[in-house]
Amino acid sequence: MQAALAAAACVGLPPCAAQPPLSDTALLAATCATCHGPGGRPPAGGASIPALRGQHAARLLRRLQALQEHRDPSATVMPQLLQGLDEAQLRALAQWFSRPGPR
């Protein structure tokens, strides 16, 4: 079952290594709510903070990698927040937010 979940978490992304357990991904994603809103949707009036929920997984992964590698001069805190995450965690977050979620 765990292998099936790990394989399913890679759908839409380039080949990947084992994904973190879904419970770990849920905890990682919950930390994003502070700025990006519950479920990855920023509150009204948060136009400068992008919505994460429903974006294509590969696009989210590229964006997370660029932020982690300090390739966006306009980024503020995201490069620092992403420094402690590994590639599997970035992939898991991209996949997590690419799925439709609660409204």
PDB file of N, CA and C in Angstrom:
ATOM      1  N   MET A   1       0.821  -1.194   0.000  1.00  0.00           N
ATOM      2  CA  MET A   1       0.000   0.000   0.000  1.00  0.00           C
ATOM      3  C   MET A   1       0.865   1.258   0.000  1.00  0.00           C
ATOM      4  N   GLN A   2       1.888   1.277   0.855  1.00  0.00           N
ATOM      5  CA  GLN A   2       2.777   2.438   0.938  1.00  0.00           C
ATOM      6  C   GLN A   2       3.455   2.706  -0.408  1.00  0.00           C
ATOM      7  N   ALA A   3       3.890   1.647  -1.097  1.00  0.00           N
ATOM      8  CA  ALA A   3       4.538   1.813  -2.400  1.00  0.00           C
ATOM      9  C   ALA A   3       3.563   2.381  -3.409  1.00  0.00           C
ATOM     10  N   ALA A   4       2.323   1.962  -3.362  1.00  0.00           N
ATOM     11  CA  ALA A   4       1.318   2.490  -4.289  1.00  0.00           C
ATOM     12  C   ALA A   4       1.085   3.969  -4.037  1.00  0.00           C
ATOM     13  N   LEU A   5       1.029   4.366  -2.770  1.00  0.00           N
ATOM     14  CA  LEU A   5       0.858   5.787  -2.451  1.00  0.00           C
ATOM     15  C   LEU A   5       2.060   6.593  -2.915  1.00  0.00           C
ATOM     16  N   ALA A   6       3.262   6.068  -2.713  1.00  0.00           N
ATOM     17  CA  ALA A   6       4.464   6.774  -3.144  1.00  0.00           C
ATOM     18  C   ALA A   6       4.482   6.931  -4.657  1.00  0.00           C
ATOM     19  N   ALA A   7       4.119   5.896  -5.376  1.00  0.00           N
ATOM     20  CA  ALA A   7       4.090   5.978  -6.836  1.00  0.00           C
ATOM     21  C   ALA A   7       3.028   6.959  -7.294  1.00  0.00           C
ATOM     22  N   ALA A   8       1.876   6.953  -6.652  1.00  0.00           N
ATOM     23  CA  ALA A   8       0.798   7.870  -7.033  1.00  0.00           C
ATOM     24  C   ALA A   8       1.189   9.314  -6.759  1.00  0.00           C
ATOM     25  N   ALA A   9       2.015   9.557  -5.761  1.00  0.00           N
ATOM     26  CA  ALA A   9       2.414  10.923  -5.420  1.00  0.00           C
ATOM     27  C   ALA A   9       3.302  11.536  -6.488  1.00  0.00           C
ATOM     28  N   CYS A  10       3.863  10.721  -7.376  1.00  0.00           N
ATOM     29  CA  CYS A  10       4.768  11.223  -8.405  1.00  0.00           C
ATOM     30  C   CYS A  10       4.065  11.524  -9.720  1.00  0.00           C
ATOM     31  N   VAL A  11       2.776  11.300  -9.799  1.00  0.00           N
ATOM     32  CA  VAL A  11       2.042  11.527 -11.036  1.00  0.00           C
ATOM     33  C   VAL A  11       2.179  12.989 -11.450  1.00  0.00           C
ATOM     34  N   GLY A  12       2.520  13.218 -12.704  1.00  0.00           N
ATOM     35  CA  GLY A  12       2.656  14.575 -13.221  1.00  0.00           C
ATOM     36  C   GLY A  12       4.021  15.187 -13.006  1.00  0.00           C
ATOM     37  N   LEU A  13       4.915  14.469 -12.357  1.00  0.00           N
ATOM     38  CA  LEU A  13       6.260  14.978 -12.101  1.00  0.00           C
ATOM     39  C   LEU A  13       7.283  14.077 -12.769  1.00  0.00           C
ATOM     40  N   PRO A  14       8.496  14.590 -12.987  1.00  0.00           N
ATOM     41  CA  PRO A  14       9.564  13.735 -13.502  1.00  0.00           C
ATOM     42  C   PRO A  14       9.809  12.586 -12.525  1.00  0.00           C
ATOM     43  N   PRO A  15      10.549  11.541 -12.940  1.00  0.00           N
ATOM     44  CA  PRO A  15      10.806  10.406 -12.053  1.00  0.00           C
ATOM     45  C   PRO A  15      11.295  10.867 -10.686  1.00  0.00           C
ATOM     46  N   CYS A  16      10.828  10.165  -9.658  1.00  0.00           N
ATOM     47  CA  CYS A  16      11.170  10.612  -8.315  1.00  0.00           C
ATOM     48  C   CYS A  16      11.556   9.446  -7.414  1.00  0.00           C
ATOM     49  N   ALA A  17      12.150   9.807  -6.311  1.00  0.00           N
ATOM     50  CA  ALA A  17      12.496   8.833  -5.279  1.00  0.00           C
ATOM     51  C   ALA A  17      11.280   8.637  -4.385  1.00  0.00           C
ATOM     52  N   ALA A  18      11.438   7.846  -3.383  1.00  0.00           N
ATOM     53  CA  ALA A  18      10.347   7.587  -2.448  1.00  0.00           C
ATOM     54  C   ALA A  18       9.860   8.897  -1.833  1.00  0.00           C
ATOM     55  N   GLN A  19       8.566   9.007  -1.721  1.00  0.00           N
ATOM     56  CA  GLN A  19       7.949  10.192  -1.140  1.00  0.00           C
ATOM     57  C   GLN A  19       7.830  10.039   0.372  1.00  0.00           C
ATOM     58  N   PRO A  20       7.782  11.167   1.092  1.00  0.00           N
ATOM     59  CA  PRO A  20       7.527  11.080   2.527  1.00  0.00           C
ATOM     60  C   PRO A  20       6.109  10.551   2.754  1.00  0.00           C
ATOM     61  N   PRO A  21       5.851   9.976   3.920  1.00  0.00           N
ATOM     62  CA  PRO A  21       4.489   9.527   4.216  1.00  0.00           C
ATOM     63  C   PRO A  21       3.502  10.687   4.089  1.00  0.00           C
ATOM     64  N   LEU A  22       2.260  10.381   3.721  1.00  0.00           N
ATOM     65  CA  LEU A  22       1.251  11.421   3.535  1.00  0.00           C
ATOM     66  C   LEU A  22       1.054  12.254   4.794  1.00  0.00           C
ATOM     67  N   SER A  23       1.166  11.647   5.961  1.00  0.00           N
ATOM     68  CA  SER A  23       0.995  12.415   7.197  1.00  0.00           C
ATOM     69  C   SER A  23       2.097  13.461   7.343  1.00  0.00           C
ATOM     70  N   ASP A  24       3.312  13.115   6.937  1.00  0.00           N
ATOM     71  CA  ASP A  24       4.411  14.079   6.974  1.00  0.00           C
ATOM     72  C   ASP A  24       4.174  15.205   5.978  1.00  0.00           C
ATOM     73  N   THR A  25       3.680  14.865   4.798  1.00  0.00           N
ATOM     74  CA  THR A  25       3.393  15.883   3.789  1.00  0.00           C
ATOM     75  C   THR A  25       2.296  16.810   4.277  1.00  0.00           C
ATOM     76  N   ALA A  26       1.289  16.268   4.933  1.00  0.00           N
ATOM     77  CA  ALA A  26       0.207  17.099   5.475  1.00  0.00           C
ATOM     78  C   ALA A  26       0.756  18.099   6.493  1.00  0.00           C
ATOM     79  N   LEU A  27       1.708  17.671   7.319  1.00  0.00           N
ATOM     80  CA  LEU A  27       2.316  18.582   8.286  1.00  0.00           C
ATOM     81  C   LEU A  27       3.121  19.667   7.589  1.00  0.00           C
ATOM     82  N   LEU A  28       3.896  19.288   6.572  1.00  0.00           N
ATOM     83  CA  LEU A  28       4.654  20.280   5.818  1.00  0.00           C
ATOM     84  C   LEU A  28       3.711  21.289   5.168  1.00  0.00           C
ATOM     85  N   ALA A  29       2.651  20.788   4.549  1.00  0.00           N
ATOM     86  CA  ALA A  29       1.699  21.656   3.858  1.00  0.00           C
ATOM     87  C   ALA A  29       0.986  22.593   4.827  1.00  0.00           C
ATOM     88  N   ALA A  30       0.752  22.129   6.041  1.00  0.00           N
ATOM     89  CA  ALA A  30       0.065  22.957   7.033  1.00  0.00           C
ATOM     90  C   ALA A  30       0.872  24.207   7.370  1.00  0.00           C
ATOM     91  N   THR A  31       2.198  24.113   7.319  1.00  0.00           N
ATOM     92  CA  THR A  31       3.017  25.287   7.620  1.00  0.00           C
ATOM     93  C   THR A  31       2.869  26.366   6.550  1.00  0.00           C
ATOM     94  N   CYS A  32       2.451  25.976   5.359  1.00  0.00           N
ATOM     95  CA  CYS A  32       2.273  26.934   4.262  1.00  0.00           C
ATOM     96  C   CYS A  32       1.041  27.807   4.465  1.00  0.00           C
ATOM     97  N   ALA A  33       0.101  27.333   5.295  1.00  0.00           N
ATOM     98  CA  ALA A  33      -1.163  28.038   5.507  1.00  0.00           C
ATOM     99  C   ALA A  33      -0.973  29.417   6.134  1.00  0.00           C
ATOM    100  N   THR A  34       0.106  29.609   6.865  1.00  0.00           N
ATOM    101  CA  THR A  34       0.340  30.899   7.509  1.00  0.00           C
ATOM    102  C   THR A  34       0.292  32.037   6.498  1.00  0.00           C
ATOM    103  N   CYS A  35       0.918  31.829   5.364  1.00  0.00           N
ATOM    104  CA  CYS A  35       0.946  32.873   4.332  1.00  0.00           C
ATOM    105  C   CYS A  35       0.023  32.574   3.155  1.00  0.00           C
ATOM    106  N   HIS A  36      -0.001  31.311   2.737  1.00  0.00           N
ATOM    107  CA  HIS A  36      -0.736  30.936   1.518  1.00  0.00           C
ATOM    108  C   HIS A  36      -2.189  30.573   1.786  1.00  0.00           C
ATOM    109  N   GLY A  37      -2.610  30.639   3.038  1.00  0.00           N
ATOM    110  CA  GLY A  37      -3.994  30.392   3.396  1.00  0.00           C
ATOM    111  C   GLY A  37      -4.313  28.927   3.607  1.00  0.00           C
ATOM    112  N   PRO A  38      -5.437  28.673   4.264  1.00  0.00           N
ATOM    113  CA  PRO A  38      -5.855  27.293   4.507  1.00  0.00           C
ATOM    114  C   PRO A  38      -6.006  26.537   3.193  1.00  0.00           C
ATOM    115  N   GLY A  39      -5.406  25.366   3.127  1.00  0.00           N
ATOM    116  CA  GLY A  39      -5.517  24.551   1.927  1.00  0.00           C
ATOM    117  C   GLY A  39      -4.773  25.101   0.728  1.00  0.00           C
ATOM    118  N   GLY A  40      -3.940  26.112   0.928  1.00  0.00           N
ATOM    119  CA  GLY A  40      -3.173  26.670  -0.194  1.00  0.00           C
ATOM    120  C   GLY A  40      -3.885  27.758  -0.962  1.00  0.00           C
ATOM    121  N   ARG A  41      -4.944  28.290  -0.384  1.00  0.00           N
ATOM    122  CA  ARG A  41      -5.672  29.391  -1.009  1.00  0.00           C
ATOM    123  C   ARG A  41      -5.573  30.612  -0.104  1.00  0.00           C
ATOM    124  N   PRO A  42      -4.892  31.678  -0.567  1.00  0.00           N
ATOM    125  CA  PRO A  42      -4.729  32.850   0.295  1.00  0.00           C
ATOM    126  C   PRO A  42      -6.064  33.540   0.566  1.00  0.00           C
ATOM    127  N   PRO A  43      -6.150  34.200   1.707  1.00  0.00           N
ATOM    128  CA  PRO A  43      -7.378  34.924   2.020  1.00  0.00           C
ATOM    129  C   PRO A  43      -7.603  36.076   1.047  1.00  0.00           C
ATOM    130  N   ALA A  44      -8.836  36.537   0.972  1.00  0.00           N
ATOM    131  CA  ALA A  44      -9.159  37.687   0.113  1.00  0.00           C
ATOM    132  C   ALA A  44      -8.261  38.849   0.499  1.00  0.00           C
ATOM    133  N   GLY A  45      -7.784  39.534  -0.496  1.00  0.00           N
ATOM    134  CA  GLY A  45      -6.888  40.659  -0.249  1.00  0.00           C
ATOM    135  C   GLY A  45      -5.428  40.253  -0.210  1.00  0.00           C
ATOM    136  N   GLY A  46      -5.136  38.961  -0.320  1.00  0.00           N
ATOM    137  CA  GLY A  46      -3.758  38.490  -0.305  1.00  0.00           C
ATOM    138  C   GLY A  46      -3.214  38.341  -1.715  1.00  0.00           C
ATOM    139  N   ALA A  47      -3.465  39.323  -2.561  1.00  0.00           N
ATOM    140  CA  ALA A  47      -3.119  39.236  -3.981  1.00  0.00           C
ATOM    141  C   ALA A  47      -1.626  39.040  -4.228  1.00  0.00           C
ATOM    142  N   SER A  48      -0.778  39.499  -3.314  1.00  0.00           N
ATOM    143  CA  SER A  48       0.665  39.356  -3.544  1.00  0.00           C
ATOM    144  C   SER A  48       1.170  37.963  -3.192  1.00  0.00           C
ATOM    145  N   ILE A  49       0.346  37.163  -2.524  1.00  0.00           N
ATOM    146  CA  ILE A  49       0.728  35.801  -2.156  1.00  0.00           C
ATOM    147  C   ILE A  49       0.000  34.844  -3.091  1.00  0.00           C
ATOM    148  N   PRO A  50       0.745  34.037  -3.840  1.00  0.00           N
ATOM    149  CA  PRO A  50       0.090  33.157  -4.825  1.00  0.00           C
ATOM    150  C   PRO A  50      -0.672  31.999  -4.187  1.00  0.00           C
ATOM    151  N   ALA A  51      -1.734  31.595  -4.865  1.00  0.00           N
ATOM    152  CA  ALA A  51      -2.466  30.393  -4.477  1.00  0.00           C
ATOM    153  C   ALA A  51      -1.619  29.191  -4.891  1.00  0.00           C
ATOM    154  N   LEU A  52      -1.600  28.176  -4.076  1.00  0.00           N
ATOM    155  CA  LEU A  52      -0.867  26.951  -4.377  1.00  0.00           C
ATOM    156  C   LEU A  52      -1.804  25.858  -4.869  1.00  0.00           C
ATOM    157  N   ARG A  53      -2.977  25.786  -4.267  1.00  0.00           N
ATOM    158  CA  ARG A  53      -3.923  24.707  -4.555  1.00  0.00           C
ATOM    159  C   ARG A  53      -4.355  24.732  -6.017  1.00  0.00           C
ATOM    160  N   GLY A  54      -4.287  23.555  -6.653  1.00  0.00           N
ATOM    161  CA  GLY A  54      -4.771  23.408  -8.019  1.00  0.00           C
ATOM    162  C   GLY A  54      -3.769  23.756  -9.105  1.00  0.00           C
ATOM    163  N   GLN A  55      -2.567  24.204  -8.737  1.00  0.00           N
ATOM    164  CA  GLN A  55      -1.531  24.470  -9.735  1.00  0.00           C
ATOM    165  C   GLN A  55      -0.989  23.133 -10.248  1.00  0.00           C
ATOM    166  N   HIS A  56      -0.444  23.110 -11.424  1.00  0.00           N
ATOM    167  CA  HIS A  56       0.147  21.887 -11.971  1.00  0.00           C
ATOM    168  C   HIS A  56       1.371  21.510 -11.133  1.00  0.00           C
ATOM    169  N   ALA A  57       1.495  20.218 -10.796  1.00  0.00           N
ATOM    170  CA  ALA A  57       2.557  19.733  -9.917  1.00  0.00           C
ATOM    171  C   ALA A  57       3.954  20.075 -10.431  1.00  0.00           C
ATOM    172  N   ALA A  58       4.185  19.899 -11.732  1.00  0.00           N
ATOM    173  CA  ALA A  58       5.519  20.178 -12.278  1.00  0.00           C
ATOM    174  C   ALA A  58       5.848  21.664 -12.172  1.00  0.00           C
ATOM    175  N   ARG A  59       4.854  22.515 -12.371  1.00  0.00           N
ATOM    176  CA  ARG A  59       5.067  23.966 -12.258  1.00  0.00           C
ATOM    177  C   ARG A  59       5.391  24.327 -10.810  1.00  0.00           C
ATOM    178  N   LEU A  60       4.635  23.773  -9.869  1.00  0.00           N
ATOM    179  CA  LEU A  60       4.914  24.037  -8.461  1.00  0.00           C
ATOM    180  C   LEU A  60       6.302  23.559  -8.066  1.00  0.00           C
ATOM    181  N   LEU A  61       6.683  22.385  -8.531  1.00  0.00           N
ATOM    182  CA  LEU A  61       8.006  21.863  -8.206  1.00  0.00           C
ATOM    183  C   LEU A  61       9.096  22.781  -8.742  1.00  0.00           C
ATOM    184  N   ARG A  62       8.975  23.200  -9.989  1.00  0.00           N
ATOM    185  CA  ARG A  62       9.988  24.123 -10.555  1.00  0.00           C
ATOM    186  C   ARG A  62      10.069  25.413  -9.739  1.00  0.00           C
ATOM    187  N   ARG A  63       8.920  25.919  -9.313  1.00  0.00           N
ATOM    188  CA  ARG A  63       8.893  27.156  -8.538  1.00  0.00           C
ATOM    189  C   ARG A  63       9.545  26.954  -7.165  1.00  0.00           C
ATOM    190  N   LEU A  64       9.216  25.854  -6.505  1.00  0.00           N
ATOM    191  CA  LEU A  64       9.823  25.571  -5.202  1.00  0.00           C
ATOM    192  C   LEU A  64      11.345  25.413  -5.319  1.00  0.00           C
ATOM    193  N   GLN A  65      11.788  24.724  -6.363  1.00  0.00           N
ATOM    194  CA  GLN A  65      13.228  24.546  -6.578  1.00  0.00           C
ATOM    195  C   GLN A  65      13.910  25.884  -6.833  1.00  0.00           C
ATOM    196  N   ALA A  66      13.289  26.727  -7.640  1.00  0.00           N
ATOM    197  CA  ALA A  66      13.873  28.044  -7.931  1.00  0.00           C
ATOM    198  C   ALA A  66      13.978  28.884  -6.658  1.00  0.00           C
ATOM    199  N   LEU A  67      12.951  28.841  -5.839  1.00  0.00           N
ATOM    200  CA  LEU A  67      12.987  29.596  -4.585  1.00  0.00           C
ATOM    201  C   LEU A  67      14.054  29.040  -3.645  1.00  0.00           C
ATOM    202  N   GLN A  68      14.121  27.724  -3.548  1.00  0.00           N
ATOM    203  CA  GLN A  68      15.099  27.099  -2.665  1.00  0.00           C
ATOM    204  C   GLN A  68      16.532  27.434  -3.089  1.00  0.00           C
ATOM    205  N   GLU A  69      16.744  27.544  -4.390  1.00  0.00           N
ATOM    206  CA  GLU A  69      18.081  27.815  -4.933  1.00  0.00           C
ATOM    207  C   GLU A  69      18.359  29.305  -5.096  1.00  0.00           C
ATOM    208  N   HIS A  70      17.510  30.148  -4.529  1.00  0.00           N
ATOM    209  CA  HIS A  70      17.694  31.609  -4.557  1.00  0.00           C
ATOM    210  C   HIS A  70      17.753  32.160  -5.976  1.00  0.00           C
ATOM    211  N   ARG A  71      16.952  31.587  -6.897  1.00  0.00           N
ATOM    212  CA  ARG A  71      16.954  32.057  -8.285  1.00  0.00           C
ATOM    213  C   ARG A  71      15.861  33.081  -8.567  1.00  0.00           C
ATOM    214  N   ASP A  72      15.194  33.573  -7.539  1.00  0.00           N
ATOM    215  CA  ASP A  72      14.161  34.588  -7.718  1.00  0.00           C
ATOM    216  C   ASP A  72      14.523  35.796  -6.873  1.00  0.00           C
ATOM    217  N   PRO A  73      15.014  36.860  -7.510  1.00  0.00           N
ATOM    218  CA  PRO A  73      15.440  38.031  -6.753  1.00  0.00           C
ATOM    219  C   PRO A  73      14.290  38.741  -6.033  1.00  0.00           C
ATOM    220  N   SER A  74      13.053  38.480  -6.427  1.00  0.00           N
ATOM    221  CA  SER A  74      11.926  39.134  -5.767  1.00  0.00           C
ATOM    222  C   SER A  74      11.422  38.349  -4.550  1.00  0.00           C
ATOM    223  N   ALA A  75      11.953  37.157  -4.323  1.00  0.00           N
ATOM    224  CA  ALA A  75      11.505  36.330  -3.199  1.00  0.00           C
ATOM    225  C   ALA A  75      11.904  36.969  -1.878  1.00  0.00           C
ATOM    226  N   THR A  76      11.074  36.770  -0.887  1.00  0.00           N
ATOM    227  CA  THR A  76      11.374  37.322   0.437  1.00  0.00           C
ATOM    228  C   THR A  76      11.784  36.204   1.392  1.00  0.00           C
ATOM    229  N   VAL A  77      10.853  35.577   2.058  1.00  0.00           N
ATOM    230  CA  VAL A  77      11.199  34.564   3.060  1.00  0.00           C
ATOM    231  C   VAL A  77      11.236  33.139   2.528  1.00  0.00           C
ATOM    232  N   MET A  78      10.662  32.895   1.362  1.00  0.00           N
ATOM    233  CA  MET A  78      10.568  31.515   0.863  1.00  0.00           C
ATOM    234  C   MET A  78      11.926  30.822   0.715  1.00  0.00           C
ATOM    235  N   PRO A  79      12.959  31.460   0.209  1.00  0.00           N
ATOM    236  CA  PRO A  79      14.247  30.752   0.099  1.00  0.00           C
ATOM    237  C   PRO A  79      14.735  30.230   1.457  1.00  0.00           C
ATOM    238  N   GLN A  80      14.548  31.015   2.507  1.00  0.00           N
ATOM    239  CA  GLN A  80      14.980  30.574   3.827  1.00  0.00           C
ATOM    240  C   GLN A  80      14.086  29.450   4.353  1.00  0.00           C
ATOM    241  N   LEU A  81      12.782  29.553   4.118  1.00  0.00           N
ATOM    242  CA  LEU A  81      11.854  28.532   4.607  1.00  0.00           C
ATOM    243  C   LEU A  81      12.078  27.182   3.948  1.00  0.00           C
ATOM    244  N   LEU A  82      12.543  27.186   2.711  1.00  0.00           N
ATOM    245  CA  LEU A  82      12.709  25.940   1.968  1.00  0.00           C
ATOM    246  C   LEU A  82      14.077  25.292   2.157  1.00  0.00           C
ATOM    247  N   GLN A  83      14.999  25.955   2.826  1.00  0.00           N
ATOM    248  CA  GLN A  83      16.357  25.421   2.954  1.00  0.00           C
ATOM    249  C   GLN A  83      16.420  24.074   3.647  1.00  0.00           C
ATOM    250  N   GLY A  84      15.541  23.796   4.576  1.00  0.00           N
ATOM    251  CA  GLY A  84      15.601  22.541   5.311  1.00  0.00           C
ATOM    252  C   GLY A  84      14.905  21.370   4.627  1.00  0.00           C
ATOM    253  N   LEU A  85      14.308  21.607   3.448  1.00  0.00           N
ATOM    254  CA  LEU A  85      13.563  20.549   2.770  1.00  0.00           C
ATOM    255  C   LEU A  85      14.421  19.864   1.716  1.00  0.00           C
ATOM    256  N   ASP A  86      14.232  18.547   1.581  1.00  0.00           N
ATOM    257  CA  ASP A  86      14.951  17.817   0.542  1.00  0.00           C
ATOM    258  C   ASP A  86      14.077  17.701  -0.710  1.00  0.00           C
ATOM    259  N   GLU A  87      14.628  17.117  -1.751  1.00  0.00           N
ATOM    260  CA  GLU A  87      13.936  17.004  -3.042  1.00  0.00           C
ATOM    261  C   GLU A  87      12.634  16.220  -2.921  1.00  0.00           C
ATOM    262  N   ALA A  88      12.633  15.131  -2.153  1.00  0.00           N
ATOM    263  CA  ALA A  88      11.413  14.331  -1.989  1.00  0.00           C
ATOM    264  C   ALA A  88      10.315  15.145  -1.306  1.00  0.00           C
ATOM    265  N   GLN A  89      10.679  15.965  -0.347  1.00  0.00           N
ATOM    266  CA  GLN A  89       9.694  16.806   0.327  1.00  0.00           C
ATOM    267  C   GLN A  89       9.138  17.870  -0.615  1.00  0.00           C
ATOM    268  N   LEU A  90      10.003  18.466  -1.431  1.00  0.00           N
ATOM    269  CA  LEU A  90       9.529  19.453  -2.406  1.00  0.00           C
ATOM    270  C   LEU A  90       8.552  18.812  -3.385  1.00  0.00           C
ATOM    271  N   ARG A  91       8.899  17.621  -3.859  1.00  0.00           N
ATOM    272  CA  ARG A  91       8.013  16.900  -4.786  1.00  0.00           C
ATOM    273  C   ARG A  91       6.678  16.567  -4.125  1.00  0.00           C
ATOM    274  N   ALA A  92       6.734  16.132  -2.888  1.00  0.00           N
ATOM    275  CA  ALA A  92       5.512  15.789  -2.167  1.00  0.00           C
ATOM    276  C   ALA A  92       4.619  17.012  -1.983  1.00  0.00           C
ATOM    277  N   LEU A  93       5.207  18.155  -1.658  1.00  0.00           N
ATOM    278  CA  LEU A  93       4.420  19.382  -1.522  1.00  0.00           C
ATOM    279  C   LEU A  93       3.810  19.799  -2.857  1.00  0.00           C
ATOM    280  N   ALA A  94       4.580  19.708  -3.912  1.00  0.00           N
ATOM    281  CA  ALA A  94       4.062  20.076  -5.236  1.00  0.00           C
ATOM    282  C   ALA A  94       2.872  19.196  -5.595  1.00  0.00           C
ATOM    283  N   GLN A  95       3.001  17.915  -5.339  1.00  0.00           N
ATOM    284  CA  GLN A  95       1.904  16.994  -5.637  1.00  0.00           C
ATOM    285  C   GLN A  95       0.705  17.269  -4.735  1.00  0.00           C
ATOM    286  N   TRP A  96       0.950  17.520  -3.472  1.00  0.00           N
ATOM    287  CA  TRP A  96      -0.104  17.786  -2.488  1.00  0.00           C
ATOM    288  C   TRP A  96      -0.966  18.974  -2.930  1.00  0.00           C
ATOM    289  N   PHE A  97      -0.314  20.064  -3.287  1.00  0.00           N
ATOM    290  CA  PHE A  97      -1.059  21.264  -3.643  1.00  0.00           C
ATOM    291  C   PHE A  97      -1.644  21.217  -5.048  1.00  0.00           C
ATOM    292  N   SER A  98      -1.166  20.301  -5.884  1.00  0.00           N
ATOM    293  CA  SER A  98      -1.713  20.205  -7.239  1.00  0.00           C
ATOM    294  C   SER A  98      -3.097  19.561  -7.246  1.00  0.00           C
ATOM    295  N   ARG A  99      -3.424  18.837  -6.203  1.00  0.00           N
ATOM    296  CA  ARG A  99      -4.732  18.173  -6.126  1.00  0.00           C
ATOM    297  C   ARG A  99      -5.804  19.167  -5.705  1.00  0.00           C
ATOM    298  N   PRO A 100      -7.025  18.966  -6.212  1.00  0.00           N
ATOM    299  CA  PRO A 100      -8.130  19.794  -5.700  1.00  0.00           C
ATOM    300  C   PRO A 100      -8.296  19.512  -4.212  1.00  0.00           C
ATOM    301  N   GLY A 101      -8.567  20.509  -3.459  1.00  0.00           N
ATOM    302  CA  GLY A 101      -8.700  20.320  -2.028  1.00  0.00           C
ATOM    303  C   GLY A 101      -9.976  20.936  -1.501  1.00  0.00           C
ATOM    304  N   PRO A 102     -10.057  21.024  -0.196  1.00  0.00           N
ATOM    305  CA  PRO A 102     -11.250  21.616   0.403  1.00  0.00           C
ATOM    306  C   PRO A 102     -11.407  23.069   0.000  1.00  0.00           C
ATOM    307  N   ARG A 103     -12.597  23.496  -0.115  1.00  0.00           N
ATOM    308  CA  ARG A 103     -12.883  24.880  -0.526  1.00  0.00           C
ATOM    309  C   ARG A 103     -12.829  25.797   0.646  1.00  0.00           C
TER     310      ARG A 103
END
